[in-house]
PDB file of N, CA and C in Angstrom:
ATOM      1  N   MET A   1     130.993  11.594  71.365  1.00  0.00           N
ATOM      2  CA  MET A   1     130.730  10.340  70.667  1.00  0.00           C
ATOM      3  C   MET A   1     131.735  10.185  69.534  1.00  0.00           C
ATOM      4  N   PRO A   2     132.247   8.976  69.324  1.00  0.00           N
ATOM      5  CA  PRO A   2     133.211   8.766  68.243  1.00  0.00           C
ATOM      6  C   PRO A   2     132.612   9.130  66.892  1.00  0.00           C
ATOM      7  N   MET A   3     133.459   9.672  66.036  1.00  0.00           N
ATOM      8  CA  MET A   3     133.024   9.996  64.683  1.00  0.00           C
ATOM      9  C   MET A   3     132.833   8.711  63.905  1.00  0.00           C
ATOM     10  N   LYS A   4     131.904   8.738  62.983  1.00  0.00           N
ATOM     11  CA  LYS A   4     131.703   7.609  62.083  1.00  0.00           C
ATOM     12  C   LYS A   4     132.443   7.916  60.784  1.00  0.00           C
ATOM     13  N   HIS A   5     133.341   7.037  60.405  1.00  0.00           N
ATOM     14  CA  HIS A   5     134.067   7.190  59.155  1.00  0.00           C
ATOM     15  C   HIS A   5     134.576   5.826  58.730  1.00  0.00           C
ATOM     16  N   ALA A   6     135.030   5.767  57.511  1.00  0.00           N
ATOM     17  CA  ALA A   6     135.580   4.510  56.991  1.00  0.00           C
ATOM     18  C   ALA A   6     136.869   4.186  57.737  1.00  0.00           C
ATOM     19  N   PRO A   7     137.289   2.940  57.733  1.00  0.00           N
ATOM     20  CA  PRO A   7     138.562   2.594  58.370  1.00  0.00           C
ATOM     21  C   PRO A   7     139.692   3.462  57.835  1.00  0.00           C
ATOM     22  N   VAL A   8     140.571   3.864  58.726  1.00  0.00           N
ATOM     23  CA  VAL A   8     141.690   4.726  58.356  1.00  0.00           C
ATOM     24  C   VAL A   8     142.805   3.855  57.809  1.00  0.00           C
ATOM     25  N   ARG A   9     143.287   4.197  56.639  1.00  0.00           N
ATOM     26  CA  ARG A   9     144.314   3.389  55.984  1.00  0.00           C
ATOM     27  C   ARG A   9     145.570   4.227  55.739  1.00  0.00           C
ATOM     28  N   GLY A  10     146.679   3.540  55.577  1.00  0.00           N
ATOM     29  CA  GLY A  10     147.917   4.175  55.166  1.00  0.00           C
ATOM     30  C   GLY A  10     148.552   5.070  56.211  1.00  0.00           C
ATOM     31  N   ALA A  11     149.290   6.027  55.736  1.00  0.00           N
ATOM     32  CA  ALA A  11     150.084   6.900  56.588  1.00  0.00           C
ATOM     33  C   ALA A  11     149.306   8.149  56.978  1.00  0.00           C
ATOM     34  N   VAL A  12     148.079   7.974  57.440  1.00  0.00           N
ATOM     35  CA  VAL A  12     147.235   9.114  57.779  1.00  0.00           C
ATOM     36  C   VAL A  12     147.873   9.980  58.858  1.00  0.00           C
ATOM     37  N   PHE A  13     148.506   9.358  59.845  1.00  0.00           N
ATOM     38  CA  PHE A  13     149.126  10.141  60.909  1.00  0.00           C
ATOM     39  C   PHE A  13     150.173  11.079  60.340  1.00  0.00           C
ATOM     40  N   HIS A  14     151.015  10.560  59.453  1.00  0.00           N
ATOM     41  CA  HIS A  14     152.079  11.381  58.881  1.00  0.00           C
ATOM     42  C   HIS A  14     151.514  12.538  58.062  1.00  0.00           C
ATOM     43  N   ALA A  15     150.454  12.285  57.325  1.00  0.00           N
ATOM     44  CA  ALA A  15     149.844  13.342  56.513  1.00  0.00           C
ATOM     45  C   ALA A  15     149.253  14.431  57.404  1.00  0.00           C
ATOM     46  N   ILE A  16     148.558  14.032  58.462  1.00  0.00           N
ATOM     47  CA  ILE A  16     147.950  15.015  59.364  1.00  0.00           C
ATOM     48  C   ILE A  16     149.039  15.764  60.123  1.00  0.00           C
ATOM     49  N   LEU A  17     150.041  15.068  60.622  1.00  0.00           N
ATOM     50  CA  LEU A  17     151.125  15.719  61.342  1.00  0.00           C
ATOM     51  C   LEU A  17     151.849  16.715  60.442  1.00  0.00           C
ATOM     52  N   ARG A  18     152.131  16.308  59.225  1.00  0.00           N
ATOM     53  CA  ARG A  18     152.807  17.191  58.274  1.00  0.00           C
ATOM     54  C   ARG A  18     151.969  18.450  58.027  1.00  0.00           C
ATOM     55  N   ASP A  19     150.657  18.271  57.864  1.00  0.00           N
ATOM     56  CA  ASP A  19     149.768  19.405  57.640  1.00  0.00           C
ATOM     57  C   ASP A  19     149.782  20.359  58.836  1.00  0.00           C
ATOM     58  N   CYS A  20     149.734  19.808  60.049  1.00  0.00           N
ATOM     59  CA  CYS A  20     149.758  20.641  61.260  1.00  0.00           C
ATOM     60  C   CYS A  20     151.077  21.402  61.377  1.00  0.00           C
ATOM     61  N   LEU A  21     152.178  20.712  61.105  1.00  0.00           N
ATOM     62  CA  LEU A  21     153.481  21.370  61.201  1.00  0.00           C
ATOM     63  C   LEU A  21     153.641  22.461  60.158  1.00  0.00           C
ATOM     64  N   GLU A  22     153.237  22.167  58.927  1.00  0.00           N
ATOM     65  CA  GLU A  22     153.363  23.166  57.862  1.00  0.00           C
ATOM     66  C   GLU A  22     152.515  24.397  58.139  1.00  0.00           C
ATOM     67  N   ALA A  23     151.323  24.193  58.695  1.00  0.00           N
ATOM     68  CA  ALA A  23     150.427  25.317  59.002  1.00  0.00           C
ATOM     69  C   ALA A  23     150.715  25.899  60.391  1.00  0.00           C
ATOM     70  N   GLN A  24     151.616  25.284  61.140  1.00  0.00           N
ATOM     71  CA  GLN A  24     151.960  25.695  62.503  1.00  0.00           C
ATOM     72  C   GLN A  24     150.708  25.826  63.366  1.00  0.00           C
ATOM     73  N   ARG A  25     149.944  24.732  63.386  1.00  0.00           N
ATOM     74  CA  ARG A  25     148.697  24.726  64.152  1.00  0.00           C
ATOM     75  C   ARG A  25     148.547  23.422  64.918  1.00  0.00           C
ATOM     76  N   ALA A  26     147.732  23.490  65.942  1.00  0.00           N
ATOM     77  CA  ALA A  26     147.401  22.284  66.711  1.00  0.00           C
ATOM     78  C   ALA A  26     146.418  21.449  65.895  1.00  0.00           C
ATOM     79  N   PRO A  27     146.397  20.138  66.131  1.00  0.00           N
ATOM     80  CA  PRO A  27     145.442  19.300  65.390  1.00  0.00           C
ATOM     81  C   PRO A  27     144.006  19.621  65.795  1.00  0.00           C
ATOM     82  N   LYS A  28     143.115  19.486  64.840  1.00  0.00           N
ATOM     83  CA  LYS A  28     141.683  19.644  65.108  1.00  0.00           C
ATOM     84  C   LYS A  28     141.184  18.401  65.839  1.00  0.00           C
ATOM     85  N   GLU A  29     140.070  18.531  66.513  1.00  0.00           N
ATOM     86  CA  GLU A  29     139.505  17.384  67.232  1.00  0.00           C
ATOM     87  C   GLU A  29     139.208  16.239  66.267  1.00  0.00           C
ATOM     88  N   THR A  30     138.763  16.556  65.064  1.00  0.00           N
ATOM     89  CA  THR A  30     138.498  15.499  64.078  1.00  0.00           C
ATOM     90  C   THR A  30     139.773  14.755  63.707  1.00  0.00           C
ATOM     91  N   GLU A  31     140.889  15.465  63.652  1.00  0.00           N
ATOM     92  CA  GLU A  31     142.165  14.828  63.336  1.00  0.00           C
ATOM     93  C   GLU A  31     142.621  13.929  64.492  1.00  0.00           C
ATOM     94  N   ILE A  32     142.407  14.381  65.707  1.00  0.00           N
ATOM     95  CA  ILE A  32     142.734  13.551  66.875  1.00  0.00           C
ATOM     96  C   ILE A  32     141.888  12.283  66.845  1.00  0.00           C
ATOM     97  N   GLN A  33     140.612  12.415  66.497  1.00  0.00           N
ATOM     98  CA  GLN A  33     139.725  11.250  66.394  1.00  0.00           C
ATOM     99  C   GLN A  33     140.228  10.268  65.326  1.00  0.00           C
ATOM    100  N   LEU A  34     140.653  10.778  64.181  1.00  0.00           N
ATOM    101  CA  LEU A  34     141.168   9.911  63.116  1.00  0.00           C
ATOM    102  C   LEU A  34     142.408   9.150  63.569  1.00  0.00           C
ATOM    103  N   ILE A  35     143.290   9.840  64.272  1.00  0.00           N
ATOM    104  CA  ILE A  35     144.507   9.191  64.752  1.00  0.00           C
ATOM    105  C   ILE A  35     144.170   8.167  65.832  1.00  0.00           C
ATOM    106  N   ALA A  36     143.245   8.502  66.714  1.00  0.00           N
ATOM    107  CA  ALA A  36     142.815   7.539  67.740  1.00  0.00           C
ATOM    108  C   ALA A  36     142.236   6.298  67.075  1.00  0.00           C
ATOM    109  N   CYS A  37     141.435   6.483  66.057  1.00  0.00           N
ATOM    110  CA  CYS A  37     140.860   5.364  65.309  1.00  0.00           C
ATOM    111  C   CYS A  37     141.976   4.499  64.727  1.00  0.00           C
ATOM    112  N   LYS A  38     142.970   5.132  64.138  1.00  0.00           N
ATOM    113  CA  LYS A  38     144.098   4.404  63.543  1.00  0.00           C
ATOM    114  C   LYS A  38     144.867   3.635  64.609  1.00  0.00           C
ATOM    115  N   ILE A  39     145.124   4.272  65.755  1.00  0.00           N
ATOM    116  CA  ILE A  39     145.820   3.594  66.852  1.00  0.00           C
ATOM    117  C   ILE A  39     145.013   2.379  67.303  1.00  0.00           C
ATOM    118  N   TRP A  40     143.700   2.562  67.481  1.00  0.00           N
ATOM    119  CA  TRP A  40     142.851   1.451  67.924  1.00  0.00           C
ATOM    120  C   TRP A  40     142.879   0.317  66.897  1.00  0.00           C
ATOM    121  N   GLN A  41     142.684   0.658  65.620  1.00  0.00           N
ATOM    122  CA  GLN A  41     142.684  -0.348  64.549  1.00  0.00           C
ATOM    123  C   GLN A  41     143.966  -1.156  64.541  1.00  0.00           C
ATOM    124  N   ASP A  42     145.094  -0.453  64.616  1.00  0.00           N
ATOM    125  CA  ASP A  42     146.390  -1.108  64.467  1.00  0.00           C
ATOM    126  C   ASP A  42     146.820  -1.868  65.712  1.00  0.00           C
ATOM    127  N   SER A  43     146.302  -1.470  66.873  1.00  0.00           N
ATOM    128  CA  SER A  43     146.828  -2.026  68.113  1.00  0.00           C
ATOM    129  C   SER A  43     145.864  -2.901  68.898  1.00  0.00           C
ATOM    130  N   PHE A  44     144.588  -2.566  68.927  1.00  0.00           N
ATOM    131  CA  PHE A  44     143.692  -3.205  69.876  1.00  0.00           C
ATOM    132  C   PHE A  44     142.427  -3.834  69.295  1.00  0.00           C
ATOM    133  N   ALA A  45     142.019  -3.439  68.113  1.00  0.00           N
ATOM    134  CA  ALA A  45     140.733  -3.875  67.568  1.00  0.00           C
ATOM    135  C   ALA A  45     140.614  -5.395  67.496  1.00  0.00           C
ATOM    136  N   THR A  46     141.638  -6.055  67.022  1.00  0.00           N
ATOM    137  CA  THR A  46     141.591  -7.509  66.890  1.00  0.00           C
ATOM    138  C   THR A  46     141.570  -8.188  68.252  1.00  0.00           C
ATOM    139  N   ILE A  47     142.404  -7.704  69.159  1.00  0.00           N
ATOM    140  CA  ILE A  47     142.481  -8.279  70.506  1.00  0.00           C
ATOM    141  C   ILE A  47     141.158  -8.104  71.248  1.00  0.00           C
ATOM    142  N   ALA A  48     140.603  -6.893  71.187  1.00  0.00           N
ATOM    143  CA  ALA A  48     139.373  -6.585  71.914  1.00  0.00           C
ATOM    144  C   ALA A  48     138.127  -7.047  71.160  1.00  0.00           C
ATOM    145  N   ASN A  49     138.293  -7.377  69.876  1.00  0.00           N
ATOM    146  CA  ASN A  49     137.169  -7.764  69.022  1.00  0.00           C
ATOM    147  C   ASN A  49     136.100  -6.676  69.003  1.00  0.00           C
ATOM    148  N   LYS A  50     136.579  -5.424  68.940  1.00  0.00           N
ATOM    149  CA  LYS A  50     135.684  -4.260  68.883  1.00  0.00           C
ATOM    150  C   LYS A  50     136.225  -3.279  67.858  1.00  0.00           C
ATOM    151  N   ASP A  51     135.319  -2.689  67.122  1.00  0.00           N
ATOM    152  CA  ASP A  51     135.664  -1.622  66.209  1.00  0.00           C
ATOM    153  C   ASP A  51     135.725  -0.314  67.000  1.00  0.00           C
ATOM    154  N   TRP A  52     136.490   0.652  66.523  1.00  0.00           N
ATOM    155  CA  TRP A  52     136.585   1.963  67.175  1.00  0.00           C
ATOM    156  C   TRP A  52     135.201   2.559  67.422  1.00  0.00           C
ATOM    157  N   HIS A  53     134.317   2.416  66.456  1.00  0.00           N
ATOM    158  CA  HIS A  53     132.973   2.994  66.558  1.00  0.00           C
ATOM    159  C   HIS A  53     132.101   2.289  67.590  1.00  0.00           C
ATOM    160  N   ASP A  54     132.542   1.125  68.057  1.00  0.00           N
ATOM    161  CA  ASP A  54     131.792   0.397  69.076  1.00  0.00           C
ATOM    162  C   ASP A  54     132.167   0.811  70.493  1.00  0.00           C
ATOM    163  N   LEU A  55     133.245   1.571  70.632  1.00  0.00           N
ATOM    164  CA  LEU A  55     133.684   1.985  71.965  1.00  0.00           C
ATOM    165  C   LEU A  55     132.772   3.079  72.519  1.00  0.00           C
ATOM    166  N   VAL A  56     132.536   3.015  73.797  1.00  0.00           N
ATOM    167  CA  VAL A  56     131.742   4.034  74.483  1.00  0.00           C
ATOM    168  C   VAL A  56     132.686   5.171  74.858  1.00  0.00           C
ATOM    169  N   PRO A  57     132.360   6.425  74.512  1.00  0.00           N
ATOM    170  CA  PRO A  57     133.267   7.543  74.790  1.00  0.00           C
ATOM    171  C   PRO A  57     133.685   7.690  76.255  1.00  0.00           C
ATOM    172  N   ASP A  58     132.886   7.229  77.190  1.00  0.00           N
ATOM    173  CA  ASP A  58     133.258   7.321  78.602  1.00  0.00           C
ATOM    174  C   ASP A  58     134.099   6.137  79.068  1.00  0.00           C
ATOM    175  N   SER A  59     134.336   5.174  78.203  1.00  0.00           N
ATOM    176  CA  SER A  59     135.088   3.984  78.610  1.00  0.00           C
ATOM    177  C   SER A  59     136.579   4.294  78.723  1.00  0.00           C
ATOM    178  N   GLN A  60     137.260   3.492  79.538  1.00  0.00           N
ATOM    179  CA  GLN A  60     138.699   3.671  79.703  1.00  0.00           C
ATOM    180  C   GLN A  60     139.444   3.412  78.403  1.00  0.00           C
ATOM    181  N   GLU A  61     139.030   2.399  77.668  1.00  0.00           N
ATOM    182  CA  GLU A  61     139.739   2.084  76.422  1.00  0.00           C
ATOM    183  C   GLU A  61     139.637   3.226  75.417  1.00  0.00           C
ATOM    184  N   TYR A  62     138.469   3.864  75.356  1.00  0.00           N
ATOM    185  CA  TYR A  62     138.300   5.017  74.463  1.00  0.00           C
ATOM    186  C   TYR A  62     139.187   6.173  74.920  1.00  0.00           C
ATOM    187  N   GLN A  63     139.125   6.489  76.218  1.00  0.00           N
ATOM    188  CA  GLN A  63     139.890   7.620  76.751  1.00  0.00           C
ATOM    189  C   GLN A  63     141.390   7.396  76.614  1.00  0.00           C
ATOM    190  N   TYR A  64     141.865   6.174  76.886  1.00  0.00           N
ATOM    191  CA  TYR A  64     143.283   5.866  76.726  1.00  0.00           C
ATOM    192  C   TYR A  64     143.731   6.059  75.283  1.00  0.00           C
ATOM    193  N   THR A  65     142.890   5.661  74.348  1.00  0.00           N
ATOM    194  CA  THR A  65     143.253   5.771  72.939  1.00  0.00           C
ATOM    195  C   THR A  65     143.250   7.227  72.483  1.00  0.00           C
ATOM    196  N   ILE A  66     142.282   8.005  72.935  1.00  0.00           N
ATOM    197  CA  ILE A  66     142.268   9.448  72.639  1.00  0.00           C
ATOM    198  C   ILE A  66     143.507  10.110  73.231  1.00  0.00           C
ATOM    199  N   ASP A  67     143.850   9.753  74.470  1.00  0.00           N
ATOM    200  CA  ASP A  67     145.053  10.306  75.103  1.00  0.00           C
ATOM    201  C   ASP A  67     146.306   9.934  74.312  1.00  0.00           C
ATOM    202  N   ALA A  68     146.370   8.703  73.818  1.00  0.00           N
ATOM    203  CA  ALA A  68     147.515   8.272  73.012  1.00  0.00           C
ATOM    204  C   ALA A  68     147.608   9.093  71.730  1.00  0.00           C
ATOM    205  N   ALA A  69     146.474   9.370  71.104  1.00  0.00           N
ATOM    206  CA  ALA A  69     146.467  10.188  69.892  1.00  0.00           C
ATOM    207  C   ALA A  69     146.943  11.606  70.201  1.00  0.00           C
ATOM    208  N   ARG A  70     146.475  12.162  71.301  1.00  0.00           N
ATOM    209  CA  ARG A  70     146.924  13.515  71.692  1.00  0.00           C
ATOM    210  C   ARG A  70     148.428  13.525  71.973  1.00  0.00           C
ATOM    211  N   MET A  71     148.916  12.503  72.654  1.00  0.00           N
ATOM    212  CA  MET A  71     150.349  12.435  72.945  1.00  0.00           C
ATOM    213  C   MET A  71     151.162  12.305  71.665  1.00  0.00           C
ATOM    214  N   ALA A  72     150.614  11.619  70.668  1.00  0.00           N
ATOM    215  CA  ALA A  72     151.313  11.495  69.387  1.00  0.00           C
ATOM    216  C   ALA A  72     151.542  12.862  68.752  1.00  0.00           C
ATOM    217  N   PHE A  73     150.665  13.807  69.052  1.00  0.00           N
ATOM    218  CA  PHE A  73     150.809  15.178  68.558  1.00  0.00           C
ATOM    219  C   PHE A  73     151.552  16.073  69.543  1.00  0.00           C
ATOM    220  N   GLY A  74     151.975  15.505  70.686  1.00  0.00           N
ATOM    221  CA  GLY A  74     152.683  16.309  71.671  1.00  0.00           C
ATOM    222  C   GLY A  74     151.765  17.029  72.633  1.00  0.00           C
ATOM    223  N   ILE A  75     150.484  16.642  72.652  1.00  0.00           N
ATOM    224  CA  ILE A  75     149.519  17.241  73.568  1.00  0.00           C
ATOM    225  C   ILE A  75     149.394  16.304  74.765  1.00  0.00           C
ATOM    226  N   HIS A  76     149.779  16.765  75.921  1.00  0.00           N
ATOM    227  CA  HIS A  76     149.754  15.918  77.118  1.00  0.00           C
ATOM    228  C   HIS A  76     148.582  16.312  78.003  1.00  0.00           C
ATOM    229  N   ALA A  77     147.853  15.309  78.470  1.00  0.00           N
ATOM    230  CA  ALA A  77     146.729  15.533  79.361  1.00  0.00           C
ATOM    231  C   ALA A  77     147.253  16.067  80.688  1.00  0.00           C
ATOM    232  N   ALA A  78     146.477  16.948  81.291  1.00  0.00           N
ATOM    233  CA  ALA A  78     146.846  17.478  82.605  1.00  0.00           C
ATOM    234  C   ALA A  78     146.826  16.358  83.630  1.00  0.00           C
ATOM    235  N   ASN A  79     147.761  16.360  84.502  1.00  0.00           N
ATOM    236  CA  ASN A  79     147.829  15.338  85.560  1.00  0.00           C
ATOM    237  C   ASN A  79     146.869  15.726  86.664  1.00  0.00           C
ATOM    238  N   SER A  80     145.767  15.015  86.762  1.00  0.00           N
ATOM    239  CA  SER A  80     144.739  15.334  87.760  1.00  0.00           C
ATOM    240  C   SER A  80     145.138  14.880  89.153  1.00  0.00           C
ATOM    241  N   ALA A  81     146.190  14.062  89.262  1.00  0.00           N
ATOM    242  CA  ALA A  81     146.618  13.569  90.567  1.00  0.00           C
ATOM    243  C   ALA A  81     147.620  14.497  91.231  1.00  0.00           C
ATOM    244  N   ALA A  82     147.922  15.624  90.622  1.00  0.00           N
ATOM    245  CA  ALA A  82     148.934  16.544  91.142  1.00  0.00           C
ATOM    246  C   ALA A  82     148.582  17.180  92.428  1.00  0.00           C
TER     247      ALA A  82
END
């Protein structure tokens, strides 16, 4: 289920990415959720007329946005069609 938090503002992606790089660690699931929220807010929320917290975790739009957040960190989903 999506985390409930205030709208993500500013350069949150850069701050989280910088923290991960400095600590040489993969992003936490909460950080991936924050980035997905930011991607949704900036790209799709107005068009879809839905807030990130309104998305159903099993929906395609939710999964695509989570995948986009993971890719932003260099984490690629396994290709299930292989």
